[in-house]
Amino acid sequence: MTNQPTQPASGGTAKAPQQSLGQGFRFPPWRAPTRLDALLFFLALPVGLALMFSLVEIRLTKDVPYNEAIIYMVLHMFIAWWTVSLGCYLIKFLCRNWRPPARFVCVMGFVIALIPAAMMYQTLGNYYETISPAFAANWTGFQQPSWDFEYLLYFVRFSIPALPLFLIGVYGYRLLTGVSFFGYEPRFPAVQQGDSSAEPRWQTPRIGQIGDSKLPADAVILAVKAEQHYVQIWTNEGEDLLRFRFSDVPATLSASNGAQVHRSWWVNFDAVTEIIEAGKKTELKINDELSVPVSRSYKNAVREHMNLSQAPA
């Protein structure tokens, strides 16, 4: 069993660090991509890679005029980049309920893009063979795409080195801009930059936001549990059972530092005093009488959010 004590935030005014990548790098806060991000990632980045590779003579562009080689490399890179990106978007959509890490999405997207990319490379090569004699000479004898096992092994062997390059592009852009095209939007409140003189980052969740209660309206909500058409609410002033749809709780309390961590539980992260892990089970301890279970699908995101929101500035 692993117990990880935490320091409940007081008033939510502490500075919040950026997401960390190992020990030496930090990701900026997640943000949604803009049109400019799309232009940079899907156009500028592959063009830049193509220009870089054009400086290194490869077999197919040997003795090919530089301008023709540049155009071939740009088209080649567009095929690779866009095909793998489409594969990633497909994996991201199919796994939207599981929400795997972006690296899993990228690897699987890369794998399913191999065959379509091979077929498009064949078409590009056949076209360039008709317009460039030097390219045609290089293309002659080049192993042509096919469905046989020998070619697939050949193509995979020469394609695998492109995977680290694609991952560098994805995570490098994430590191520089905060945009993750193939990652999922965080389920929890964004950890924001701030200073001690600023307004609190989050609003304190009050039971009065849920409905009329026997408890004081300004009682601070610690946790909420679904009970059919009702919700059981724990506060710093006691407990109460109110008629309210649990599915509406996250939206109603969205301005607070809390989130749904289980299909039946919502928790105020500022109230958590300890993270308890026993085997595959994870719980967030509020006090001696109350611990909130965390679903496996939420576990990594919960741990990351707790570390981010409660780490010292």
Protein backbone atom coordinates (compact mmCIF):
# COMPACT_ATOMS: atom_id res chain seq x y z
CA MET A 1 0.00 0.00 0.00
CA THR A 2 1.25 3.42 -0.89
CA ASN A 3 0.06 6.46 1.01
CA GLN A 4 0.80 9.85 -0.48
CA PRO A 5 0.00 12.69 1.93
CA THR A 6 -1.18 15.89 0.34
CA GLN A 7 -1.58 19.44 1.50
CA PRO A 8 -5.14 20.68 1.02
CA ALA A 9 -5.06 24.06 -0.66
CA SER A 10 -6.20 27.03 1.37
CA GLY A 11 -8.26 29.40 -0.70
CA GLY A 12 -6.75 28.10 -3.94
CA THR A 13 -4.22 30.91 -4.21
CA ALA A 14 -1.00 28.92 -4.45
CA LYS A 15 1.02 29.04 -7.63
CA ALA A 16 0.62 26.05 -9.90
CA PRO A 17 3.51 24.51 -11.81
CA GLN A 18 3.36 23.52 -15.44
CA GLN A 19 2.99 19.86 -16.32
CA SER A 20 6.34 18.13 -16.02
CA LEU A 21 8.06 15.91 -18.57
CA GLY A 22 10.56 13.89 -16.63
CA GLN A 23 12.65 16.02 -14.30
CA GLY A 24 14.15 18.57 -16.67
CA PHE A 25 11.28 19.73 -18.89
CA ARG A 26 7.83 21.14 -18.24
CA PHE A 27 4.82 21.09 -20.50
CA PRO A 28 2.86 24.33 -20.67
CA PRO A 29 -0.83 24.11 -19.71
CA TRP A 30 -2.99 22.23 -22.22
CA ARG A 31 -4.88 24.39 -24.71
CA ALA A 32 -7.11 23.72 -27.70
CA PRO A 33 -5.44 24.07 -31.14
CA THR A 34 -6.19 27.08 -33.32
CA ARG A 35 -6.12 27.43 -37.10
CA LEU A 36 -2.59 28.77 -36.85
CA ASP A 37 -1.58 25.65 -34.89
CA ALA A 38 -3.07 23.47 -37.64
CA LEU A 39 -1.13 25.36 -40.33
CA LEU A 40 2.12 25.10 -38.38
CA PHE A 41 1.75 21.43 -37.45
CA PHE A 42 0.27 20.00 -40.65
CA LEU A 43 1.96 22.25 -43.24
CA ALA A 44 4.99 24.11 -41.92
CA LEU A 45 6.42 21.23 -39.89
CA PRO A 46 6.40 18.60 -42.68
CA VAL A 47 7.73 21.16 -45.17
CA GLY A 48 10.57 21.97 -42.78
CA LEU A 49 11.39 18.28 -42.40
CA ALA A 50 11.31 17.83 -46.17
CA LEU A 51 13.77 20.71 -46.64
CA MET A 52 16.02 19.19 -44.00
CA PHE A 53 16.00 15.77 -45.66
CA SER A 54 16.53 17.30 -49.11
CA LEU A 55 20.00 18.28 -47.93
CA VAL A 56 20.80 14.59 -47.51
CA GLU A 57 20.92 12.76 -50.82
CA ILE A 58 18.76 9.65 -50.77
CA ARG A 59 18.65 6.88 -53.34
CA LEU A 60 15.52 8.08 -55.15
CA THR A 61 16.69 11.69 -55.51
CA LYS A 62 20.27 10.92 -56.56
CA ASP A 63 21.20 13.06 -59.57
CA VAL A 64 17.69 14.56 -59.60
CA PRO A 65 17.67 18.39 -60.06
CA TYR A 66 17.39 20.07 -56.68
CA ASN A 67 14.04 21.77 -57.35
CA GLU A 68 12.51 18.46 -58.46
CA ALA A 69 13.99 16.70 -55.45
CA ILE A 70 12.58 19.37 -53.13
CA ILE A 71 9.08 18.95 -54.55
CA TYR A 72 9.33 15.16 -54.29
CA MET A 73 10.50 15.31 -50.67
CA VAL A 74 7.71 17.76 -49.72
CA LEU A 75 5.05 15.53 -51.30
CA HIS A 76 6.65 12.47 -49.71
CA MET A 77 6.59 14.13 -46.29
CA PHE A 78 3.00 15.29 -46.72
CA ILE A 79 1.94 11.71 -47.45
CA ALA A 80 3.75 10.42 -44.39
CA TRP A 81 2.67 13.19 -42.01
CA TRP A 82 -0.97 13.39 -43.08
CA THR A 83 -1.49 9.62 -43.35
CA VAL A 84 -0.11 8.99 -39.87
CA SER A 85 -2.09 11.94 -38.50
CA LEU A 86 -5.32 10.52 -39.95
CA GLY A 87 -4.44 7.18 -38.39
CA CYS A 88 -3.90 8.91 -35.04
CA TYR A 89 -7.24 10.70 -35.25
CA LEU A 90 -8.95 7.40 -36.02
CA ILE A 91 -7.34 5.70 -33.00
CA LYS A 92 -8.15 8.72 -30.83
CA PHE A 93 -11.82 8.51 -31.86
CA LEU A 94 -12.10 4.74 -31.40
CA CYS A 95 -10.45 4.90 -27.96
CA ARG A 96 -12.29 8.02 -26.75
CA ASN A 97 -13.90 6.18 -23.82
CA TRP A 98 -10.61 4.63 -22.72
CA ARG A 99 -8.59 7.83 -23.33
CA PRO A 100 -5.12 6.25 -23.68
CA PRO A 101 -1.94 8.38 -23.57
CA ALA A 102 -1.02 10.35 -26.68
CA ARG A 103 2.05 8.16 -27.26
CA PHE A 104 -0.20 5.09 -27.60
CA VAL A 105 -2.42 6.96 -30.05
CA CYS A 106 0.62 8.00 -32.09
CA VAL A 107 2.18 4.53 -32.21
CA MET A 108 -1.05 2.79 -33.22
CA GLY A 109 -1.87 5.54 -35.73
CA PHE A 110 1.59 5.06 -37.23
CA VAL A 111 1.06 1.30 -37.52
CA ILE A 112 -2.30 1.47 -39.29
CA ALA A 113 -0.95 4.14 -41.66
CA LEU A 114 1.89 1.98 -43.01
CA ILE A 115 -0.02 0.19 -45.78
CA PRO A 116 -1.99 3.23 -47.07
CA ALA A 117 1.24 5.25 -47.08
CA ALA A 118 3.02 2.51 -49.07
CA MET A 119 0.31 2.57 -51.72
CA MET A 120 0.46 6.36 -52.00
CA TYR A 121 4.26 6.28 -52.26
CA GLN A 122 3.80 3.87 -55.18
CA THR A 123 1.49 6.33 -56.93
CA LEU A 124 3.85 9.25 -56.29
CA GLY A 125 6.84 7.27 -57.55
CA ASN A 126 5.03 6.19 -60.72
CA TYR A 127 4.11 9.80 -61.46
CA TYR A 128 7.60 11.16 -60.85
CA GLU A 129 9.01 8.42 -63.05
CA THR A 130 7.14 9.96 -66.00
CA ILE A 131 8.40 13.52 -65.48
CA SER A 132 11.97 13.03 -64.26
CA PRO A 133 14.44 10.84 -66.21
CA ALA A 134 16.92 10.86 -63.31
CA PHE A 135 14.22 9.78 -60.89
CA ALA A 136 13.05 7.10 -63.35
CA ALA A 137 16.56 5.67 -63.44
CA ASN A 138 16.64 5.51 -59.64
CA TRP A 139 13.11 4.09 -59.51
CA THR A 140 14.07 1.21 -61.82
CA GLY A 141 14.84 -1.83 -59.74
CA PHE A 142 13.48 -0.18 -56.61
CA GLN A 143 11.42 -2.69 -54.64
CA GLN A 144 7.82 -1.93 -55.58
CA PRO A 145 4.96 -1.91 -53.07
CA SER A 146 2.88 -5.09 -52.96
CA TRP A 147 0.86 -7.14 -50.55
CA ASP A 148 3.43 -9.93 -50.17
CA PHE A 149 5.05 -10.55 -46.81
CA GLU A 150 8.58 -9.87 -48.08
CA TYR A 151 7.74 -6.31 -49.12
CA LEU A 152 5.83 -5.61 -45.90
CA LEU A 153 8.89 -6.58 -43.87
CA TYR A 154 11.05 -4.41 -46.11
CA PHE A 155 8.72 -1.41 -45.76
CA VAL A 156 8.34 -1.78 -41.99
CA ARG A 157 12.12 -1.97 -41.57
CA PHE A 158 12.66 1.31 -43.39
CA SER A 159 9.60 3.01 -41.87
CA ILE A 160 10.26 2.33 -38.18
CA PRO A 161 12.93 5.09 -37.91
CA ALA A 162 10.21 7.58 -38.91
CA LEU A 163 8.22 6.85 -35.73
CA PRO A 164 10.65 8.60 -33.34
CA LEU A 165 10.73 11.56 -35.74
CA PHE A 166 6.92 11.80 -35.66
CA LEU A 167 6.87 11.54 -31.86
CA ILE A 168 9.49 14.28 -31.60
CA GLY A 169 7.30 16.47 -33.77
CA VAL A 170 4.16 15.77 -31.71
CA TYR A 171 5.75 16.19 -28.29
CA GLY A 172 8.02 19.00 -29.38
CA TYR A 173 5.01 21.02 -30.53
CA ARG A 174 3.25 20.12 -27.28
CA LEU A 175 6.22 21.36 -25.28
CA LEU A 176 6.48 24.64 -27.19
CA THR A 177 2.80 25.52 -27.48
CA GLY A 178 0.72 23.41 -25.08
CA VAL A 179 -1.21 21.91 -28.02
CA SER A 180 -1.62 18.14 -28.20
CA PHE A 181 -3.38 17.20 -31.43
CA PHE A 182 -3.62 13.52 -30.53
CA GLY A 183 -4.07 13.78 -26.77
CA TYR A 184 -7.37 14.18 -24.97
CA GLU A 185 -8.62 17.32 -23.30
CA PRO A 186 -7.96 17.17 -19.53
CA ARG A 187 -10.94 15.99 -17.54
CA PHE A 188 -10.04 18.13 -14.56
CA PRO A 189 -9.82 21.87 -13.92
CA ALA A 190 -6.86 23.50 -15.61
CA VAL A 191 -3.96 24.32 -13.31
CA GLN A 192 -3.36 28.02 -13.91
CA GLN A 193 -0.42 30.28 -13.31
CA GLY A 194 -0.90 32.88 -10.60
CA ASP A 195 0.62 34.64 -7.60
CA SER A 196 -0.34 34.97 -3.98
CA SER A 197 -1.89 38.40 -4.51
CA ALA A 198 -4.19 37.21 -7.30
CA GLU A 199 -7.78 36.10 -6.95
CA PRO A 200 -8.28 32.41 -6.07
CA ARG A 201 -7.84 30.13 -9.04
CA TRP A 202 -11.03 28.24 -8.23
CA GLN A 203 -14.27 28.97 -6.47
CA THR A 204 -15.10 27.05 -3.32
CA PRO A 205 -17.96 24.60 -4.00
CA ARG A 206 -20.98 25.30 -1.74
CA ILE A 207 -23.97 23.08 -1.09
CA GLY A 208 -26.24 26.00 -1.96
CA GLN A 209 -25.15 25.54 -5.58
CA ILE A 210 -26.80 22.11 -5.60
CA GLY A 211 -30.10 23.03 -3.96
CA ASP A 212 -31.96 23.76 -0.73
CA SER A 213 -30.46 21.88 2.19
CA LYS A 214 -30.87 21.56 5.93
CA LEU A 215 -27.19 22.57 6.09
CA PRO A 216 -25.96 26.16 5.75
CA ALA A 217 -25.95 27.24 2.10
CA ASP A 218 -22.25 28.16 2.33
CA ALA A 219 -21.21 24.72 3.65
CA VAL A 220 -18.17 23.60 1.65
CA ILE A 221 -18.72 20.48 -0.41
CA LEU A 222 -16.12 17.77 0.16
CA ALA A 223 -17.55 14.98 -1.99
CA VAL A 224 -20.73 13.98 -3.81
CA LYS A 225 -22.04 10.45 -4.43
CA ALA A 226 -24.79 9.38 -6.82
CA GLU A 227 -27.83 7.76 -5.13
CA GLN A 228 -30.27 7.00 -7.98
CA HIS A 229 -32.27 10.24 -8.44
CA TYR A 230 -30.54 11.83 -5.43
CA VAL A 231 -27.00 12.81 -4.46
CA GLN A 232 -25.39 12.26 -1.09
CA ILE A 233 -23.30 15.31 -0.22
CA TRP A 234 -20.55 15.51 2.38
CA THR A 235 -19.61 18.99 3.59
CA ASN A 236 -17.58 20.58 6.35
CA GLU A 237 -20.91 21.10 8.16
CA GLY A 238 -22.19 17.52 7.85
CA GLU A 239 -24.07 15.39 5.29
CA ASP A 240 -27.31 15.74 3.37
CA LEU A 241 -29.28 13.88 0.71
CA LEU A 242 -30.69 16.11 -2.03
CA ARG A 243 -32.78 15.40 -5.10
CA PHE A 244 -30.39 16.27 -7.92
CA ARG A 245 -29.03 14.51 -10.99
CA PHE A 246 -25.47 13.38 -10.43
CA SER A 247 -24.71 13.90 -14.13
CA ASP A 248 -25.28 17.64 -13.59
CA VAL A 249 -22.85 17.91 -10.68
CA PRO A 250 -19.60 18.37 -12.69
CA ALA A 251 -21.10 21.20 -14.75
CA THR A 252 -22.72 22.85 -11.72
CA LEU A 253 -19.44 22.85 -9.80
CA SER A 254 -17.15 23.36 -12.81
CA ALA A 255 -15.62 26.57 -11.38
CA SER A 256 -14.22 24.66 -8.40
CA ASN A 257 -11.10 22.54 -8.05
CA GLY A 258 -13.02 19.29 -8.26
CA ALA A 259 -14.09 16.65 -10.76
CA GLN A 260 -15.78 13.32 -11.24
CA VAL A 261 -13.30 10.56 -10.39
CA HIS A 262 -15.67 7.59 -10.54
CA ARG A 263 -18.97 6.91 -12.26
CA SER A 264 -20.72 7.61 -8.95
CA TRP A 265 -18.38 10.08 -7.21
CA TRP A 266 -17.35 13.73 -7.50
CA VAL A 267 -14.61 15.05 -5.20
CA ASN A 268 -13.29 18.44 -4.13
CA PHE A 269 -9.53 18.08 -4.64
CA ASP A 270 -8.85 20.82 -2.09
CA ALA A 271 -10.40 18.56 0.58
CA VAL A 272 -8.20 15.54 -0.16
CA THR A 273 -5.69 14.81 2.59
CA GLU A 274 -4.13 11.61 1.26
CA ILE A 275 -3.94 9.41 -1.83
CA ILE A 276 -4.18 5.75 -0.82
CA GLU A 277 -3.11 3.07 -3.28
CA ALA A 278 -3.50 -0.62 -2.48
CA GLY A 279 -2.83 -2.89 -5.44
CA LYS A 280 -5.02 -1.74 -8.31
CA LYS A 281 -7.31 0.25 -6.02
CA THR A 282 -6.90 3.98 -5.48
CA GLU A 283 -8.80 6.12 -2.99
CA LEU A 284 -8.75 9.79 -2.08
CA LYS A 285 -8.95 10.22 1.68
CA ILE A 286 -10.98 13.19 2.87
CA ASN A 287 -11.04 12.38 6.59
CA ASP A 288 -11.17 9.34 8.89
CA GLU A 289 -14.81 8.67 7.95
CA LEU A 290 -14.71 9.37 4.23
CA SER A 291 -12.60 8.06 1.35
CA VAL A 292 -13.56 8.40 -2.30
CA PRO A 293 -12.80 5.55 -4.74
CA VAL A 294 -11.08 6.39 -8.03
CA SER A 295 -11.84 4.43 -11.20
CA ARG A 296 -8.88 2.97 -13.06
CA SER A 297 -9.70 5.10 -16.11
CA TYR A 298 -9.32 8.24 -13.97
CA LYS A 299 -6.38 7.12 -11.81
CA ASN A 300 -3.44 8.56 -13.76
CA ALA A 301 -5.22 11.84 -14.47
CA VAL A 302 -6.19 12.20 -10.79
CA ARG A 303 -2.64 11.58 -9.59
CA GLU A 304 -1.22 14.06 -12.12
CA HIS A 305 -3.78 16.73 -11.25
CA MET A 306 -3.20 16.34 -7.51
CA ASN A 307 0.56 16.65 -8.00
CA LEU A 308 0.14 19.74 -10.19
CA SER A 309 -2.41 21.62 -8.12
CA GLN A 310 -0.75 21.00 -4.76
CA ALA A 311 2.96 21.17 -5.60
CA PRO A 312 4.82 24.16 -4.21
CA ALA A 313 5.40 27.10 -6.57
